[in-house]
Amino acid sequence: MPKFLMQATFSPDGVKNLIEQGGTTREQQLQALARSLEGSLEAVYFSPQRNEGFVILDLPDGQRINLACTLMAVNAGGFVQIKAQPVLTARELDSAIEKARSVKVPCK
């Protein structure tokens, strides 16, 4: 299953909500989100000094659009801004590198 790294930057109101609810409540909410996307939550980390959080999700290929919709809705709420990107294991990176060697780059 593809992995996605999500980086969340909390607004001042988002930090207030986090203080009120706590980290484990937020982790439970993220677990429910992952399940709703037919995936799983691998890890949640918080960086309080930067008002940020980091999440690693495993999601099936067909859930990218649903993830995008969810992120747009969450970002529109104003409490947090989330960026998500697919990430590769070392073995997956090696596979991508092997394929990249055969790509013909225009204007080279």
N, C-alpha and C. Protein backbone atom coordinates (compact mmCIF):
# COMPACT_ATOMS: atom_id res chain seq x y z
N MET A 1 0.84 -1.18 0.00
CA MET A 1 0.00 0.00 0.00
C MET A 1 0.89 1.24 0.00
N PRO A 2 0.59 2.22 -0.84
CA PRO A 2 1.38 3.45 -0.85
C PRO A 2 1.31 4.19 0.49
N LYS A 3 2.43 4.80 0.85
CA LYS A 3 2.50 5.57 2.08
C LYS A 3 2.45 7.06 1.73
N PHE A 4 1.81 7.81 2.61
CA PHE A 4 1.74 9.25 2.46
C PHE A 4 2.25 9.90 3.74
N LEU A 5 3.09 10.91 3.57
CA LEU A 5 3.56 11.71 4.69
C LEU A 5 2.75 12.99 4.70
N MET A 6 2.10 13.25 5.81
CA MET A 6 1.31 14.46 5.96
C MET A 6 1.99 15.36 6.98
N GLN A 7 2.10 16.63 6.63
CA GLN A 7 2.64 17.63 7.55
C GLN A 7 1.55 18.64 7.85
N ALA A 8 1.25 18.81 9.11
CA ALA A 8 0.20 19.73 9.54
C ALA A 8 0.82 20.89 10.30
N THR A 9 0.43 22.09 9.93
CA THR A 9 0.83 23.29 10.66
C THR A 9 -0.42 23.88 11.29
N PHE A 10 -0.42 23.94 12.62
CA PHE A 10 -1.60 24.39 13.36
C PHE A 10 -1.63 25.92 13.46
N SER A 11 -2.82 26.49 13.25
CA SER A 11 -3.03 27.92 13.50
C SER A 11 -3.10 28.11 15.02
N PRO A 12 -3.09 29.36 15.52
CA PRO A 12 -3.24 29.56 16.97
C PRO A 12 -4.51 28.89 17.52
N ASP A 13 -5.63 29.00 16.79
CA ASP A 13 -6.85 28.33 17.24
C ASP A 13 -6.71 26.81 17.18
N GLY A 14 -5.97 26.32 16.20
CA GLY A 14 -5.72 24.89 16.11
C GLY A 14 -4.90 24.38 17.28
N VAL A 15 -3.93 25.18 17.72
CA VAL A 15 -3.13 24.82 18.90
C VAL A 15 -4.03 24.80 20.14
N LYS A 16 -4.91 25.78 20.26
CA LYS A 16 -5.85 25.80 21.40
C LYS A 16 -6.70 24.53 21.42
N ASN A 17 -7.21 24.13 20.25
CA ASN A 17 -8.00 22.90 20.16
C ASN A 17 -7.17 21.69 20.54
N LEU A 18 -5.92 21.66 20.10
CA LEU A 18 -5.04 20.55 20.42
C LEU A 18 -4.79 20.48 21.93
N ILE A 19 -4.60 21.62 22.56
CA ILE A 19 -4.41 21.66 24.01
C ILE A 19 -5.65 21.14 24.72
N GLU A 20 -6.83 21.55 24.25
CA GLU A 20 -8.08 21.11 24.87
C GLU A 20 -8.33 19.61 24.68
N GLN A 21 -8.04 19.10 23.48
CA GLN A 21 -8.37 17.71 23.16
C GLN A 21 -7.25 16.73 23.49
N GLY A 22 -6.01 17.18 23.37
CA GLY A 22 -4.88 16.30 23.63
C GLY A 22 -4.44 15.53 22.38
N GLY A 23 -3.23 15.03 22.45
CA GLY A 23 -2.64 14.32 21.33
C GLY A 23 -3.28 12.97 21.04
N THR A 24 -3.66 12.23 22.09
CA THR A 24 -4.24 10.90 21.86
C THR A 24 -5.61 11.01 21.21
N THR A 25 -6.37 12.04 21.55
CA THR A 25 -7.66 12.25 20.89
C THR A 25 -7.44 12.54 19.41
N ARG A 26 -6.47 13.37 19.10
CA ARG A 26 -6.17 13.68 17.70
C ARG A 26 -5.71 12.41 16.97
N GLU A 27 -4.93 11.58 17.65
CA GLU A 27 -4.48 10.33 17.02
C GLU A 27 -5.68 9.42 16.73
N GLN A 28 -6.63 9.34 17.63
CA GLN A 28 -7.83 8.53 17.41
C GLN A 28 -8.64 9.07 16.23
N GLN A 29 -8.71 10.39 16.09
CA GLN A 29 -9.40 10.98 14.95
C GLN A 29 -8.70 10.62 13.64
N LEU A 30 -7.38 10.62 13.67
CA LEU A 30 -6.62 10.26 12.48
C LEU A 30 -6.77 8.78 12.13
N GLN A 31 -6.86 7.93 13.16
CA GLN A 31 -7.10 6.51 12.91
C GLN A 31 -8.45 6.32 12.23
N ALA A 32 -9.47 7.04 12.68
CA ALA A 32 -10.79 6.96 12.07
C ALA A 32 -10.75 7.46 10.62
N LEU A 33 -9.99 8.52 10.37
CA LEU A 33 -9.84 9.03 9.02
C LEU A 33 -9.19 7.98 8.12
N ALA A 34 -8.12 7.37 8.60
CA ALA A 34 -7.43 6.34 7.82
C ALA A 34 -8.37 5.19 7.48
N ARG A 35 -9.14 4.74 8.47
CA ARG A 35 -10.10 3.65 8.23
C ARG A 35 -11.15 4.05 7.20
N SER A 36 -11.61 5.30 7.27
CA SER A 36 -12.63 5.76 6.31
C SER A 36 -12.09 5.78 4.89
N LEU A 37 -10.77 5.89 4.75
CA LEU A 37 -10.12 5.86 3.44
C LEU A 37 -9.60 4.46 3.09
N GLU A 38 -10.04 3.46 3.87
CA GLU A 38 -9.65 2.06 3.67
C GLU A 38 -8.15 1.84 3.85
N GLY A 39 -7.55 2.66 4.71
CA GLY A 39 -6.13 2.55 4.96
C GLY A 39 -5.84 2.36 6.42
N SER A 40 -4.60 2.63 6.80
CA SER A 40 -4.21 2.50 8.20
C SER A 40 -3.24 3.62 8.57
N LEU A 41 -3.23 3.93 9.85
CA LEU A 41 -2.36 4.95 10.40
C LEU A 41 -1.09 4.27 10.89
N GLU A 42 0.04 4.69 10.36
CA GLU A 42 1.30 4.09 10.79
C GLU A 42 1.92 4.84 11.96
N ALA A 43 1.91 6.17 11.89
CA ALA A 43 2.58 6.94 12.95
C ALA A 43 2.02 8.36 13.02
N VAL A 44 2.07 8.93 14.23
CA VAL A 44 1.71 10.32 14.47
C VAL A 44 2.79 10.92 15.37
N TYR A 45 3.31 12.06 14.97
CA TYR A 45 4.30 12.77 15.77
C TYR A 45 3.92 14.23 15.85
N PHE A 46 4.24 14.86 16.95
CA PHE A 46 3.98 16.28 17.14
C PHE A 46 5.29 17.00 17.42
N SER A 47 5.39 18.22 16.90
CA SER A 47 6.54 19.08 17.15
C SER A 47 5.99 20.38 17.74
N PRO A 48 5.76 20.40 19.08
CA PRO A 48 5.09 21.54 19.71
C PRO A 48 5.81 22.87 19.51
N GLN A 49 7.13 22.85 19.47
CA GLN A 49 7.85 24.11 19.34
C GLN A 49 7.62 24.77 17.98
N ARG A 50 7.14 24.00 16.99
CA ARG A 50 6.85 24.56 15.67
C ARG A 50 5.37 24.52 15.34
N ASN A 51 4.53 24.09 16.29
CA ASN A 51 3.08 23.96 16.05
C ASN A 51 2.79 23.07 14.85
N GLU A 52 3.52 21.96 14.77
CA GLU A 52 3.37 21.06 13.64
C GLU A 52 3.10 19.63 14.11
N GLY A 53 2.52 18.88 13.21
CA GLY A 53 2.33 17.46 13.41
C GLY A 53 2.69 16.73 12.13
N PHE A 54 3.09 15.47 12.28
CA PHE A 54 3.48 14.66 11.13
C PHE A 54 2.76 13.32 11.23
N VAL A 55 2.24 12.87 10.12
CA VAL A 55 1.46 11.64 10.08
C VAL A 55 1.93 10.80 8.91
N ILE A 56 2.03 9.49 9.12
CA ILE A 56 2.29 8.57 8.02
C ILE A 56 1.08 7.66 7.89
N LEU A 57 0.48 7.68 6.70
CA LEU A 57 -0.70 6.88 6.39
C LEU A 57 -0.37 5.87 5.31
N ASP A 58 -0.94 4.69 5.42
CA ASP A 58 -0.92 3.70 4.34
C ASP A 58 -2.30 3.75 3.70
N LEU A 59 -2.35 4.07 2.40
CA LEU A 59 -3.64 4.18 1.71
C LEU A 59 -3.60 3.40 0.40
N PRO A 60 -4.71 2.74 0.07
CA PRO A 60 -4.78 2.06 -1.22
C PRO A 60 -4.67 3.06 -2.37
N ASP A 61 -4.23 2.59 -3.53
CA ASP A 61 -4.06 3.45 -4.70
C ASP A 61 -5.30 4.26 -5.02
N GLY A 62 -6.46 3.66 -4.93
CA GLY A 62 -7.69 4.32 -5.34
C GLY A 62 -8.19 5.40 -4.40
N GLN A 63 -7.48 5.69 -3.32
CA GLN A 63 -7.96 6.65 -2.33
C GLN A 63 -7.32 8.03 -2.44
N ARG A 64 -6.50 8.26 -3.45
CA ARG A 64 -5.83 9.56 -3.56
C ARG A 64 -6.82 10.71 -3.71
N ILE A 65 -7.87 10.50 -4.51
CA ILE A 65 -8.86 11.57 -4.70
C ILE A 65 -9.59 11.84 -3.40
N ASN A 66 -9.97 10.78 -2.69
CA ASN A 66 -10.66 10.96 -1.41
C ASN A 66 -9.77 11.66 -0.39
N LEU A 67 -8.48 11.35 -0.40
CA LEU A 67 -7.55 12.04 0.49
C LEU A 67 -7.49 13.52 0.13
N ALA A 68 -7.43 13.83 -1.15
CA ALA A 68 -7.38 15.23 -1.59
C ALA A 68 -8.63 15.99 -1.14
N CYS A 69 -9.80 15.37 -1.29
CA CYS A 69 -11.05 16.00 -0.86
C CYS A 69 -11.04 16.26 0.64
N THR A 70 -10.59 15.27 1.40
CA THR A 70 -10.53 15.40 2.85
C THR A 70 -9.59 16.53 3.25
N LEU A 71 -8.42 16.59 2.62
CA LEU A 71 -7.46 17.64 2.95
C LEU A 71 -8.01 19.03 2.63
N MET A 72 -8.70 19.17 1.50
CA MET A 72 -9.28 20.47 1.16
C MET A 72 -10.30 20.89 2.21
N ALA A 73 -11.13 19.94 2.64
CA ALA A 73 -12.15 20.26 3.66
C ALA A 73 -11.50 20.64 4.98
N VAL A 74 -10.49 19.90 5.39
CA VAL A 74 -9.80 20.20 6.65
C VAL A 74 -9.09 21.55 6.55
N ASN A 75 -8.38 21.78 5.46
CA ASN A 75 -7.66 23.04 5.30
C ASN A 75 -8.61 24.24 5.28
N ALA A 76 -9.80 24.06 4.75
CA ALA A 76 -10.78 25.15 4.69
C ALA A 76 -11.29 25.53 6.08
N GLY A 77 -11.13 24.64 7.06
CA GLY A 77 -11.60 24.92 8.42
C GLY A 77 -10.80 25.99 9.14
N GLY A 78 -9.57 26.25 8.71
CA GLY A 78 -8.77 27.32 9.27
C GLY A 78 -7.99 26.98 10.53
N PHE A 79 -8.13 25.77 11.07
CA PHE A 79 -7.41 25.40 12.28
C PHE A 79 -6.05 24.79 12.00
N VAL A 80 -5.89 24.25 10.79
CA VAL A 80 -4.66 23.56 10.43
C VAL A 80 -4.51 23.61 8.92
N GLN A 81 -3.28 23.68 8.47
CA GLN A 81 -2.97 23.56 7.05
C GLN A 81 -2.16 22.28 6.87
N ILE A 82 -2.66 21.39 6.01
CA ILE A 82 -2.04 20.08 5.84
C ILE A 82 -1.51 19.94 4.42
N LYS A 83 -0.31 19.43 4.33
CA LYS A 83 0.30 19.04 3.06
C LYS A 83 0.48 17.53 3.10
N ALA A 84 0.24 16.88 1.98
CA ALA A 84 0.43 15.43 1.92
C ALA A 84 1.22 15.09 0.66
N GLN A 85 2.10 14.12 0.80
CA GLN A 85 2.85 13.67 -0.36
C GLN A 85 3.16 12.19 -0.23
N PRO A 86 3.19 11.49 -1.35
CA PRO A 86 3.57 10.08 -1.29
C PRO A 86 5.05 9.97 -0.95
N VAL A 87 5.41 8.95 -0.21
CA VAL A 87 6.81 8.70 0.12
C VAL A 87 7.17 7.27 -0.28
N LEU A 88 8.44 7.04 -0.52
CA LEU A 88 8.93 5.75 -0.99
C LEU A 88 9.86 5.11 0.03
N THR A 89 9.84 3.78 0.08
CA THR A 89 10.85 3.05 0.84
C THR A 89 12.15 3.07 0.03
N ALA A 90 13.24 2.66 0.62
CA ALA A 90 14.52 2.60 -0.09
C ALA A 90 14.43 1.67 -1.30
N ARG A 91 13.76 0.56 -1.15
CA ARG A 91 13.61 -0.40 -2.25
C ARG A 91 12.76 0.21 -3.38
N GLU A 92 11.68 0.91 -3.01
CA GLU A 92 10.85 1.57 -4.02
C GLU A 92 11.64 2.66 -4.74
N LEU A 93 12.48 3.39 -3.99
CA LEU A 93 13.31 4.42 -4.60
C LEU A 93 14.27 3.80 -5.60
N ASP A 94 14.88 2.66 -5.25
CA ASP A 94 15.78 1.98 -6.18
C ASP A 94 15.05 1.61 -7.46
N SER A 95 13.83 1.15 -7.35
CA SER A 95 13.03 0.81 -8.53
C SER A 95 12.77 2.05 -9.38
N ALA A 96 12.43 3.17 -8.73
CA ALA A 96 12.20 4.42 -9.45
C ALA A 96 13.47 4.90 -10.13
N ILE A 97 14.61 4.77 -9.47
CA ILE A 97 15.89 5.18 -10.04
C ILE A 97 16.19 4.35 -11.28
N GLU A 98 15.96 3.05 -11.21
CA GLU A 98 16.21 2.18 -12.35
C GLU A 98 15.37 2.61 -13.54
N LYS A 99 14.10 2.92 -13.32
CA LYS A 99 13.23 3.38 -14.41
C LYS A 99 13.67 4.75 -14.92
N ALA A 100 14.13 5.62 -14.02
CA ALA A 100 14.54 6.97 -14.41
C ALA A 100 15.74 6.94 -15.34
N ARG A 101 16.58 5.94 -15.21
CA ARG A 101 17.77 5.84 -16.06
C ARG A 101 17.41 5.67 -17.54
N SER A 102 16.23 5.14 -17.82
CA SER A 102 15.85 4.90 -19.21
C SER A 102 14.95 6.01 -19.77
N VAL A 103 14.64 7.01 -18.97
CA VAL A 103 13.79 8.12 -19.44
C VAL A 103 14.61 9.04 -20.34
N LYS A 104 14.04 9.33 -21.48
CA LYS A 104 14.70 10.26 -22.43
C LYS A 104 14.25 11.68 -22.06
N VAL A 105 15.20 12.49 -21.63
CA VAL A 105 14.91 13.86 -21.21
C VAL A 105 15.02 14.79 -22.42
N PRO A 106 13.95 15.51 -22.73
CA PRO A 106 14.04 16.43 -23.87
C PRO A 106 14.99 17.59 -23.57
N CYS A 107 15.60 18.12 -24.60
CA CYS A 107 16.49 19.29 -24.49
C CYS A 107 17.72 19.02 -23.66
N LYS A 108 18.16 17.80 -23.64
CA LYS A 108 19.37 17.49 -22.87
C LYS A 108 20.58 17.53 -23.75
